[in-house]
Structure formats: structure tokens, C-alpha cells
Amino acid sequence: MRKQYSEHGYTILVIAASIVVLLGFSALSIDVGMLYSARASAQRAADAAALAGAFVFVTRGDLDETTTPKQSDVIKENAIKTAAQNKMLGAAVSIGTADVNVDTANHRVTVNVNQSQPTIFSRVLGENTANIHATAIAEAVVTANATGCLKPIFIPNTALFVGSGSTTQCDACLTSPKQVLIDNVGGTLVVTDWAKTQIRTGNNQFLLKPQNPQNSLRPGDFMLIDIPGHNPGDLNDDISNCLDQTSACAQVYSILTGDHVGPTKNAIKTLIGCPTPDVYVAPGQYQRPNGTIGSTSKALVTCPVWDVCNATIGGQPFCPAASVPGGTNVSLQIVGFAVVFIQGLKSGNSNTIDCNGNDVVARLINVSACGGTGGTPAINPNETGPFGTPIRLVRAP
């Protein structure tokens, strides 16, 4: 009997010890699972913050390291605000300026999220907190590549040139410096310092699509792209929505003949949300109908840019005569992309911009030249989004 009672006591001790061990493992697994969840949340916050910072390279062509505020400061501010909009186990993610590194030369933004997370059951083992860390790197391609949401309106690289009297677009090629958006320098396409200055100083308003024949290549050529497989009746959808094809650098498009005033006007009104479109305040600041200010807008679009100074049409240089041989099918090559904000419509010399008129008025927000040398590598056209300088997450080197 004494031996049986002794064995009963031993069994109880073993069971009790096993329960303690099982509870310990269960508690540890709960903490580990919770920390894995926190790590995933931290990574999502870092990814979002890095992308928000890199997006500034695309939509704020008015900034660089000489402006006030500096480009890097705005990038850090955007990243910090975006991180704070994410939560980790119910608590807002908090990062500071030291957690955001900006590589302006390569258009890269690195975000580090470091947050201490209290444990629950692991405290009995002396582990009261665990450090959660996540890193994300996002980049905006330095040179233009392609867009998956092209608007079928060609922009001349002389769009911001202001002539007088009998001057033509070709006169912008003769000034010193050239008053063009993109120039061919030694065989490399580059965004000019003149263009950057115009954007920074707010001299960025232009006619995106004029209706006056004097402002076109020639009567009937109004800078609309003749999309293969489409017809003029498709213009409304082509302009107000995204084309169902990727348009890349060096691609050649024919110009759609005819002014197509009605379809273009209706498409623009649909695109910008007439009769209450967003209002341009400044680059990166667009007032919505409810009065709030947003950094993006439905009126922000991407259009291809062609080179007036070096274009050859029908076997003849377009400049210096600024004329196109009669009977020639005009085809233009993409040398870059412009991010523009479509303000609305106006008539002739009127300064009123609303949802009436026939001239489409826009603001140049940023411009990028086609190229494949220097900086970060080009992105496959199939990976591109609505802008000609797409952004993406990259792995740490």
C-alpha cells in the first residue's frame, strides 16, 4: 500500500511539471505569433512610407535640394506621415527623420521602422519587451521608361516657350539656353535646367491642346495621337480612361488628323470631373470639391513628349521652317514623359479657366527624359503604372 501511494504522488508531480512546460510553450508560442504579426505590420508600414517618399520624385518637379523646403525634407515628411497611418497591434507606427534616408541622386528612399513591443507571457522568463525592426527601400526611376496609362496627346518639348509676334516653336531651339523641356546633349536625352527652373518658379502653365490652327503643327494636326486599332469615336474613352496598352520610350505614333473638338472637350470634362473639378493650388497641392487639399488628383495625367528641335517629318527636319510637307503622314517619337495637371478649358485670349471653351489648359508638374544610362536601372514596361517614371520597392543591396 505504501508503495502504491508513493507512485501516485510521483505521477501527480510528473503531470504537474508537464502542465507547466506545456503552458510555457503555449505562452511562448502566443508571444512569438504576436511578434510575427507585429513584424509583418511594421514591414507594411515601412513599405508604404518608402513608396510615399519616393512618389515625391515623380509628382514634385518643383523641388530639389536648393528649394525651400528641400526635396529631401518633403520626402521625409511624407514618409513619416504615411508610416503613422499604419498600426502595429493597434498602436500607430512612429518613425522620425533619422529613420528616413534619402538618396536624391538615385531617387531612392530607405525607411527603417524600429519599435519596442511589450510581451505578454514571456515576462515570466524575464523578457518584458521585444524590438521589432523592418526596412524598406523604394526608388523612382531616374530616367523615363514607359507608362501604362498614356493620355493620347503629344506635348512638344517647347510647350513652355513664350514667343511673340511671328516667332515659332523652332525659335525656342535657337535661344541660349534652349527654352525646351528635353534636349539631346551629346546623344543623350536630358531634362534641361531651363525646364526645371520654369517648374520651380511656377512658370508652368501652357496649352495642352490648342484649337487654333496657328498653334498646331499645321491645320488639322492638333497633337492627338492616332492609336492603332482605335478611331476618333474612341477619343472619349482614350482620354478619360487609360489606354489598354503600354507606351514606351522611342515608340513612334502617328498624329490623328482633324481637330476633334467635341470628343476631346467631352473627354477632358469627364476626366477632370466637371462641373466641379479639382483646383490647382501648387505642385502637390490640389483642392478637391469638398475643400480638402490632396497631394494627388484625378486631373494628374501622363502625356508623351516629342522633340521639336530634332524632329524629322517626311524626311525633312521640322526646324527651322516649322512646317510639315503637304500630304505627309506626321509621325512623332516619344523622347520623354510629362506629368501634367489639367486645369480645365478656356476660350481664345480669355483668362477664365472652367469647364467651357475649347483650349485645354494644363500645368506642367514634372518631366522626365528617355534614357538608360546612369542612376537606377530601367523598369520593364510591363511593370509601369500611370507615370513615366514609375516607383517600386527594391531589395536592400
Protein backbone atom coordinates (compact mmCIF):
# COMPACT_ATOMS: atom_id res chain seq x y z
CA MET A 1 0.00 0.00 0.00
CA ARG A 2 2.83 2.40 0.87
CA LYS A 3 4.47 1.67 -2.47
CA GLN A 4 1.22 2.35 -4.36
CA TYR A 5 0.69 5.66 -2.57
CA SER A 6 4.29 6.65 -3.34
CA GLU A 7 3.77 6.00 -7.07
CA HIS A 8 0.57 8.05 -7.03
CA GLY A 9 2.47 11.03 -5.66
CA TYR A 10 5.19 10.69 -8.30
CA THR A 11 2.60 10.65 -11.10
CA ILE A 12 1.00 13.83 -9.82
CA LEU A 13 4.38 15.58 -9.79
CA VAL A 14 5.15 14.50 -13.36
CA ILE A 15 1.75 15.64 -14.60
CA ALA A 16 2.10 18.97 -12.80
CA ALA A 17 5.56 19.53 -14.28
CA SER A 18 4.34 18.60 -17.76
CA ILE A 19 1.45 21.04 -17.49
CA VAL A 20 3.87 23.82 -16.52
CA VAL A 21 6.09 23.03 -19.52
CA LEU A 22 3.13 22.85 -21.90
CA LEU A 23 1.77 26.12 -20.58
CA GLY A 24 5.21 27.66 -21.02
CA PHE A 25 5.44 26.54 -24.64
CA SER A 26 1.88 27.70 -25.26
CA ALA A 27 2.66 31.10 -23.75
CA LEU A 28 5.85 31.37 -25.79
CA SER A 29 4.04 30.43 -28.99
CA ILE A 30 1.43 33.10 -28.33
CA ASP A 31 4.12 35.73 -27.86
CA VAL A 32 6.04 34.55 -30.94
CA GLY A 33 2.88 34.65 -33.05
CA MET A 34 2.07 38.12 -31.78
CA LEU A 35 5.59 39.35 -32.57
CA TYR A 36 5.47 37.85 -36.08
CA SER A 37 2.21 39.72 -36.63
CA ALA A 38 3.84 42.92 -35.36
CA ARG A 39 6.81 42.35 -37.68
CA ALA A 40 4.51 41.96 -40.69
CA SER A 41 2.68 45.17 -39.73
CA ALA A 42 5.99 47.01 -39.34
CA GLN A 43 7.10 45.85 -42.80
CA ARG A 44 3.86 47.06 -44.39
CA ALA A 45 4.31 50.43 -42.69
CA ALA A 46 7.93 50.67 -43.90
CA ASP A 47 6.92 49.72 -47.46
CA ALA A 48 4.13 52.29 -47.55
CA ALA A 49 6.34 55.02 -46.09
CA ALA A 50 9.17 54.36 -48.56
CA LEU A 51 6.80 54.40 -51.54
CA ALA A 52 5.16 57.63 -50.32
CA GLY A 53 8.57 59.25 -50.05
CA ALA A 54 9.72 58.07 -53.48
CA PHE A 55 6.47 59.33 -55.01
CA VAL A 56 7.69 62.88 -54.35
CA PHE A 57 10.37 62.40 -57.03
CA VAL A 58 7.54 61.89 -59.54
CA THR A 59 4.95 64.47 -58.54
CA ARG A 60 7.06 67.36 -57.20
CA GLY A 61 9.18 68.55 -60.09
CA ASP A 62 9.33 71.95 -58.38
CA LEU A 63 11.64 70.65 -55.64
CA ASP A 64 15.35 69.98 -55.30
CA GLU A 65 17.94 70.45 -52.56
CA THR A 66 18.18 74.21 -53.24
CA THR A 67 14.48 74.99 -52.79
CA THR A 68 12.59 75.84 -49.63
CA PRO A 69 11.51 73.34 -48.47
CA LYS A 70 14.18 70.95 -49.66
CA GLN A 71 13.11 67.92 -51.66
CA SER A 72 14.56 65.56 -49.04
CA ASP A 73 12.62 67.30 -46.27
CA VAL A 74 9.32 66.85 -48.10
CA ILE A 75 10.17 63.21 -48.79
CA LYS A 76 10.85 62.59 -45.10
CA GLU A 77 7.66 64.38 -44.09
CA ASN A 78 5.59 62.25 -46.48
CA ALA A 79 7.22 59.06 -45.27
CA ILE A 80 6.66 59.90 -41.60
CA LYS A 81 3.02 60.82 -42.15
CA THR A 82 2.35 57.66 -44.13
CA ALA A 83 4.01 55.44 -41.51
CA ALA A 84 1.82 56.99 -38.82
CA GLN A 85 -1.29 55.99 -40.75
CA ASN A 86 -0.34 52.34 -40.21
CA LYS A 87 -0.80 50.42 -36.97
CA MET A 88 1.17 47.70 -35.26
CA LEU A 89 -1.00 45.65 -32.89
CA GLY A 90 -3.35 48.59 -32.50
CA ALA A 91 -0.68 51.25 -31.93
CA ALA A 92 0.33 53.82 -34.57
CA VAL A 93 3.76 53.28 -36.11
CA SER A 94 6.09 56.11 -35.20
CA ILE A 95 9.29 57.00 -37.08
CA GLY A 96 11.43 60.13 -37.16
CA THR A 97 13.58 61.96 -39.69
CA ALA A 98 16.59 59.85 -38.68
CA ASP A 99 14.68 56.75 -39.78
CA VAL A 100 14.32 58.03 -43.37
CA ASN A 101 17.36 58.15 -45.64
CA VAL A 102 17.06 59.96 -48.98
CA ASP A 103 19.41 59.29 -51.90
CA THR A 104 18.46 62.15 -54.22
CA ALA A 105 20.99 61.19 -56.91
CA ASN A 106 19.49 57.73 -57.39
CA HIS A 107 15.91 58.64 -56.41
CA ARG A 108 15.94 56.13 -53.54
CA VAL A 109 14.25 56.32 -50.15
CA THR A 110 15.11 53.95 -47.30
CA VAL A 111 12.80 53.71 -44.28
CA ASN A 112 13.61 51.93 -41.02
CA VAL A 113 10.90 51.07 -38.53
CA ASN A 114 12.14 50.26 -35.03
CA GLN A 115 9.57 49.80 -32.34
CA SER A 116 9.62 48.13 -28.94
CA GLN A 117 6.72 45.74 -28.45
CA PRO A 118 5.72 44.56 -24.93
CA THR A 119 5.40 40.81 -24.45
CA ILE A 120 2.62 39.07 -22.54
CA PHE A 121 3.65 35.67 -21.23
CA SER A 122 7.38 35.86 -21.86
CA ARG A 123 7.71 38.23 -18.92
CA VAL A 124 7.93 35.25 -16.59
CA LEU A 125 11.20 34.44 -18.38
CA GLY A 126 12.46 37.99 -17.92
CA GLU A 127 11.69 39.18 -21.48
CA ASN A 128 9.41 42.17 -20.98
CA THR A 129 9.79 43.65 -24.49
CA ALA A 130 10.96 42.67 -27.96
CA ASN A 131 12.41 45.01 -30.59
CA ILE A 132 10.59 44.94 -33.92
CA HIS A 133 12.61 46.07 -36.95
CA ALA A 134 11.71 46.42 -40.63
CA THR A 135 13.46 48.10 -43.56
CA ALA A 136 12.06 49.12 -46.95
CA ILE A 137 13.74 50.72 -49.95
CA ALA A 138 11.73 52.37 -52.73
CA GLU A 139 13.00 54.05 -55.86
CA ALA A 140 11.68 56.21 -58.65
CA VAL A 141 13.45 55.55 -61.94
CA VAL A 142 15.86 58.36 -62.75
CA THR A 143 15.09 58.34 -66.45
CA ALA A 144 11.79 57.85 -68.24
CA ASN A 145 10.89 54.44 -69.46
CA ALA A 146 7.22 53.81 -70.21
CA THR A 147 3.71 54.37 -68.97
CA GLY A 148 0.77 52.04 -68.63
CA CYS A 149 -1.74 54.90 -68.63
CA LEU A 150 -0.90 57.15 -71.54
CA LYS A 151 -3.12 60.07 -72.50
CA PRO A 152 -3.15 60.33 -76.31
CA ILE A 153 -1.97 63.94 -76.51
CA PHE A 154 1.58 64.71 -77.69
CA ILE A 155 3.33 67.58 -75.91
CA PRO A 156 6.09 69.46 -77.80
CA ASN A 157 9.27 69.95 -75.78
CA THR A 158 8.76 73.67 -76.46
CA ALA A 159 5.46 73.73 -74.53
CA LEU A 160 6.65 76.36 -72.00
CA PHE A 161 8.28 78.62 -74.61
CA VAL A 162 6.63 82.02 -74.75
CA GLY A 163 7.18 83.65 -78.13
CA SER A 164 5.87 86.88 -79.58
CA GLY A 165 4.81 88.18 -82.96
CA SER A 166 5.93 85.87 -85.72
CA THR A 167 8.02 83.52 -83.56
CA THR A 168 7.50 79.78 -83.97
CA GLN A 169 8.19 76.76 -81.79
CA CYS A 170 11.54 76.41 -83.53
CA ASP A 171 12.71 79.72 -82.08
CA ALA A 172 12.88 78.01 -78.68
CA CYS A 173 15.65 75.86 -80.14
CA LEU A 174 17.72 78.93 -81.04
CA THR A 175 17.77 80.68 -77.66
CA SER A 176 20.67 80.34 -75.27
CA PRO A 177 19.98 78.32 -73.30
CA LYS A 178 17.41 76.45 -75.34
CA GLN A 179 13.93 77.02 -73.95
CA VAL A 180 12.90 73.40 -74.23
CA LEU A 181 11.83 70.72 -71.76
CA ILE A 182 14.07 67.94 -73.09
CA ASP A 183 17.22 68.31 -75.19
CA ASN A 184 19.58 65.92 -76.94
CA VAL A 185 23.02 66.59 -75.49
CA GLY A 186 25.82 64.53 -76.98
CA GLY A 187 23.41 61.77 -77.95
CA THR A 188 21.78 61.64 -74.51
CA LEU A 189 18.30 62.97 -73.82
CA VAL A 190 18.20 65.15 -70.70
CA VAL A 191 15.71 67.40 -68.91
CA THR A 192 17.09 70.92 -69.27
CA ASP A 193 17.95 73.21 -66.37
CA TRP A 194 15.71 75.80 -68.03
CA ALA A 195 12.73 73.45 -67.76
CA LYS A 196 13.49 72.71 -64.11
CA THR A 197 13.64 76.44 -63.41
CA GLN A 198 10.27 77.06 -65.08
CA ILE A 199 8.64 74.35 -62.98
CA ARG A 200 10.26 75.57 -59.75
CA THR A 201 9.27 79.18 -60.32
CA GLY A 202 5.68 78.40 -61.29
CA ASN A 203 6.03 79.35 -64.98
CA ASN A 204 4.47 76.04 -65.89
CA GLN A 205 1.07 76.82 -67.42
CA PHE A 206 0.57 76.00 -71.10
CA LEU A 207 -1.99 74.94 -73.68
CA LEU A 208 -2.11 71.17 -73.57
CA LYS A 209 -4.29 71.01 -76.66
CA PRO A 210 -4.96 74.23 -78.57
CA GLN A 211 -7.84 74.56 -81.00
CA ASN A 212 -6.33 77.42 -83.02
CA PRO A 213 -4.73 76.06 -86.24
CA GLN A 214 -1.91 78.59 -85.80
CA ASN A 215 -0.85 76.71 -82.65
CA SER A 216 -0.74 73.30 -84.30
CA LEU A 217 1.85 71.61 -86.46
CA ARG A 218 -0.30 72.52 -89.43
CA PRO A 219 -4.06 72.96 -89.94
CA GLY A 220 -5.62 69.66 -88.98
CA ASP A 221 -2.73 68.30 -86.89
CA PHE A 222 -3.74 69.01 -83.30
CA MET A 223 -1.35 66.76 -81.40
CA LEU A 224 -3.82 63.96 -80.82
CA ILE A 225 -2.25 60.52 -81.19
CA ASP A 226 -3.63 58.09 -83.72
CA ILE A 227 -3.84 55.00 -81.53
CA PRO A 228 -3.52 51.80 -83.60
CA GLY A 229 -6.81 49.95 -83.72
CA HIS A 230 -8.76 52.95 -82.46
CA ASN A 231 -10.88 55.52 -84.27
CA PRO A 232 -11.92 59.11 -83.48
CA GLY A 233 -15.06 57.81 -81.84
CA ASP A 234 -12.88 56.20 -79.17
CA LEU A 235 -11.34 59.51 -78.08
CA ASN A 236 -13.71 59.94 -75.16
CA ASP A 237 -12.64 56.65 -73.61
CA ASP A 238 -8.98 57.02 -74.65
CA ILE A 239 -8.63 60.36 -72.86
CA SER A 240 -10.92 59.86 -69.87
CA ASN A 241 -9.57 56.36 -69.15
CA CYS A 242 -6.27 54.53 -69.56
CA LEU A 243 -5.29 53.09 -72.91
CA ASP A 244 -5.18 49.31 -72.85
CA GLN A 245 -1.52 49.23 -73.89
CA THR A 246 1.91 50.23 -72.59
CA SER A 247 3.66 53.11 -74.34
CA ALA A 248 7.45 53.11 -74.09
CA CYS A 249 10.31 55.45 -74.90
CA ALA A 250 11.31 55.69 -78.58
CA GLN A 251 7.89 54.44 -79.65
CA VAL A 252 6.54 56.24 -82.72
CA TYR A 253 2.92 57.37 -83.10
CA SER A 254 1.13 58.99 -86.00
CA ILE A 255 -0.78 62.21 -85.41
CA LEU A 256 -4.55 61.95 -85.66
CA THR A 257 -5.75 64.46 -88.27
CA GLY A 258 -8.71 66.73 -87.58
CA ASP A 259 -9.32 68.90 -84.53
CA HIS A 260 -11.98 66.64 -82.91
CA VAL A 261 -13.14 69.46 -80.67
CA GLY A 262 -16.30 67.82 -79.40
CA PRO A 263 -14.94 64.41 -78.37
CA THR A 264 -11.81 65.96 -76.84
CA LYS A 265 -13.75 68.53 -74.85
CA ASN A 266 -16.22 65.95 -73.53
CA ALA A 267 -13.42 63.55 -72.62
CA ILE A 268 -11.48 66.23 -70.71
CA LYS A 269 -14.61 67.25 -68.81
CA THR A 270 -15.22 63.64 -67.83
CA LEU A 271 -11.59 63.15 -66.84
CA ILE A 272 -11.29 66.15 -64.52
CA GLY A 273 -14.79 65.85 -63.07
CA CYS A 274 -16.65 68.84 -64.50
CA PRO A 275 -18.57 70.84 -63.37
CA THR A 276 -16.57 70.63 -60.08
CA PRO A 277 -13.01 69.70 -61.00
CA ASP A 278 -10.07 69.76 -58.61
CA VAL A 279 -8.36 73.15 -58.38
CA TYR A 280 -4.62 73.66 -58.78
CA VAL A 281 -3.09 75.35 -55.72
CA ALA A 282 0.58 74.40 -56.16
CA PRO A 283 2.56 71.33 -57.21
CA GLY A 284 1.49 68.57 -54.87
CA GLN A 285 -1.49 70.61 -53.63
CA TYR A 286 -4.84 70.14 -55.33
CA GLN A 287 -8.08 71.32 -53.79
CA ARG A 288 -10.93 68.88 -54.10
CA PRO A 289 -14.61 69.84 -54.38
CA ASN A 290 -15.10 69.25 -50.62
CA GLY A 291 -12.42 71.85 -49.85
CA THR A 292 -9.70 69.44 -48.72
CA ILE A 293 -6.18 69.58 -50.16
CA GLY A 294 -4.69 66.41 -51.62
CA SER A 295 -1.23 65.58 -52.97
CA THR A 296 -2.72 63.69 -55.92
CA SER A 297 -5.67 64.32 -58.21
CA LYS A 298 -7.72 62.64 -60.91
CA ALA A 299 -6.60 65.54 -63.14
CA LEU A 300 -2.94 64.43 -62.93
CA VAL A 301 -2.09 62.61 -66.16
CA THR A 302 0.91 61.46 -68.16
CA CYS A 303 1.50 62.57 -71.74
CA PRO A 304 4.36 61.76 -74.14
CA VAL A 305 6.83 64.47 -75.20
CA TRP A 306 8.29 64.93 -78.70
CA ASP A 307 11.42 66.85 -79.70
CA VAL A 308 10.62 69.89 -81.86
CA CYS A 309 14.26 70.82 -82.42
CA ASN A 310 15.41 67.46 -83.76
CA ALA A 311 12.24 66.01 -85.30
CA THR A 312 12.34 64.78 -88.88
CA ILE A 313 8.98 64.60 -90.64
CA GLY A 314 8.56 63.25 -94.15
CA GLY A 315 12.34 63.02 -94.50
CA GLN A 316 12.72 66.74 -93.76
CA PRO A 317 13.72 68.44 -90.48
CA PHE A 318 10.79 70.18 -88.84
CA CYS A 319 13.00 73.15 -87.90
CA PRO A 320 13.92 75.83 -88.72
CA ALA A 321 10.97 76.28 -91.09
CA ALA A 322 8.50 74.89 -88.51
CA SER A 323 6.49 73.42 -91.34
CA VAL A 324 5.35 69.99 -92.48
CA PRO A 325 5.31 68.96 -96.14
CA GLY A 326 1.79 68.69 -97.50
CA GLY A 327 0.40 65.21 -97.80
CA THR A 328 2.88 63.86 -95.24
CA ASN A 329 1.71 61.45 -92.60
CA VAL A 330 3.10 63.01 -89.43
CA SER A 331 4.74 60.54 -87.05
CA LEU A 332 6.47 61.60 -83.84
CA GLN A 333 8.75 59.70 -81.48
CA ILE A 334 8.47 59.66 -77.69
CA VAL A 335 11.55 61.29 -76.11
CA GLY A 336 10.13 61.60 -72.61
CA PHE A 337 7.03 61.87 -70.48
CA ALA A 338 5.35 64.81 -68.77
CA VAL A 339 3.19 64.70 -65.67
CA VAL A 340 0.60 67.43 -66.10
CA PHE A 341 -2.36 68.72 -64.13
CA ILE A 342 -5.28 69.52 -66.41
CA GLN A 343 -6.86 72.71 -65.05
CA GLY A 344 -9.77 72.95 -67.44
CA LEU A 345 -10.87 74.72 -70.60
CA LYS A 346 -10.79 78.30 -71.82
CA SER A 347 -11.70 80.27 -74.92
CA GLY A 348 -9.19 82.22 -77.02
CA ASN A 349 -7.49 85.02 -75.10
CA SER A 350 -9.75 84.67 -72.08
CA ASN A 351 -8.08 84.17 -68.71
CA THR A 352 -11.07 82.32 -67.34
CA ILE A 353 -10.46 78.61 -66.89
CA ASP A 354 -13.52 76.49 -66.26
CA CYS A 355 -15.38 73.70 -68.00
CA ASN A 356 -16.20 75.74 -71.09
CA GLY A 357 -14.13 76.81 -74.08
CA ASN A 358 -12.11 74.66 -76.45
CA ASP A 359 -8.47 75.18 -75.42
CA VAL A 360 -7.25 72.66 -72.85
CA VAL A 361 -5.11 74.36 -70.19
CA ALA A 362 -2.64 72.46 -68.03
CA ARG A 363 0.23 72.86 -65.58
CA LEU A 364 3.50 71.03 -66.08
CA ILE A 365 4.22 69.22 -62.81
CA ASN A 366 7.25 67.20 -63.83
CA VAL A 367 9.06 65.96 -66.90
CA SER A 368 11.43 63.06 -67.45
CA ALA A 369 13.65 62.30 -70.42
CA CYS A 370 14.05 58.90 -72.01
CA GLY A 371 17.36 57.27 -71.32
CA GLY A 372 19.03 54.18 -69.97
CA THR A 373 22.38 55.36 -68.66
CA GLY A 374 23.28 56.28 -65.13
CA GLY A 375 21.21 56.10 -61.98
CA THR A 376 18.94 53.22 -61.21
CA PRO A 377 18.19 50.60 -63.86
CA ALA A 378 15.19 50.92 -66.12
CA ILE A 379 11.94 49.23 -65.17
CA ASN A 380 10.32 46.78 -67.53
CA PRO A 381 7.41 48.50 -69.34
CA ASN A 382 5.09 45.76 -68.08
CA GLU A 383 5.77 46.91 -64.51
CA THR A 384 4.92 50.54 -65.06
CA GLY A 385 1.99 52.42 -63.63
CA PRO A 386 0.35 55.68 -64.66
CA PHE A 387 3.54 57.74 -64.64
CA GLY A 388 6.52 57.74 -66.98
CA THR A 389 8.91 57.46 -64.01
CA PRO A 390 7.35 54.61 -62.04
CA ILE A 391 8.24 53.72 -58.46
CA ARG A 392 8.86 50.30 -56.98
CA LEU A 393 10.13 48.55 -53.87
CA VAL A 394 13.63 47.11 -54.17
CA ARG A 395 15.69 44.70 -52.09
CA ALA A 396 18.45 46.06 -49.95
CA PRO A 397 21.85 45.73 -51.69
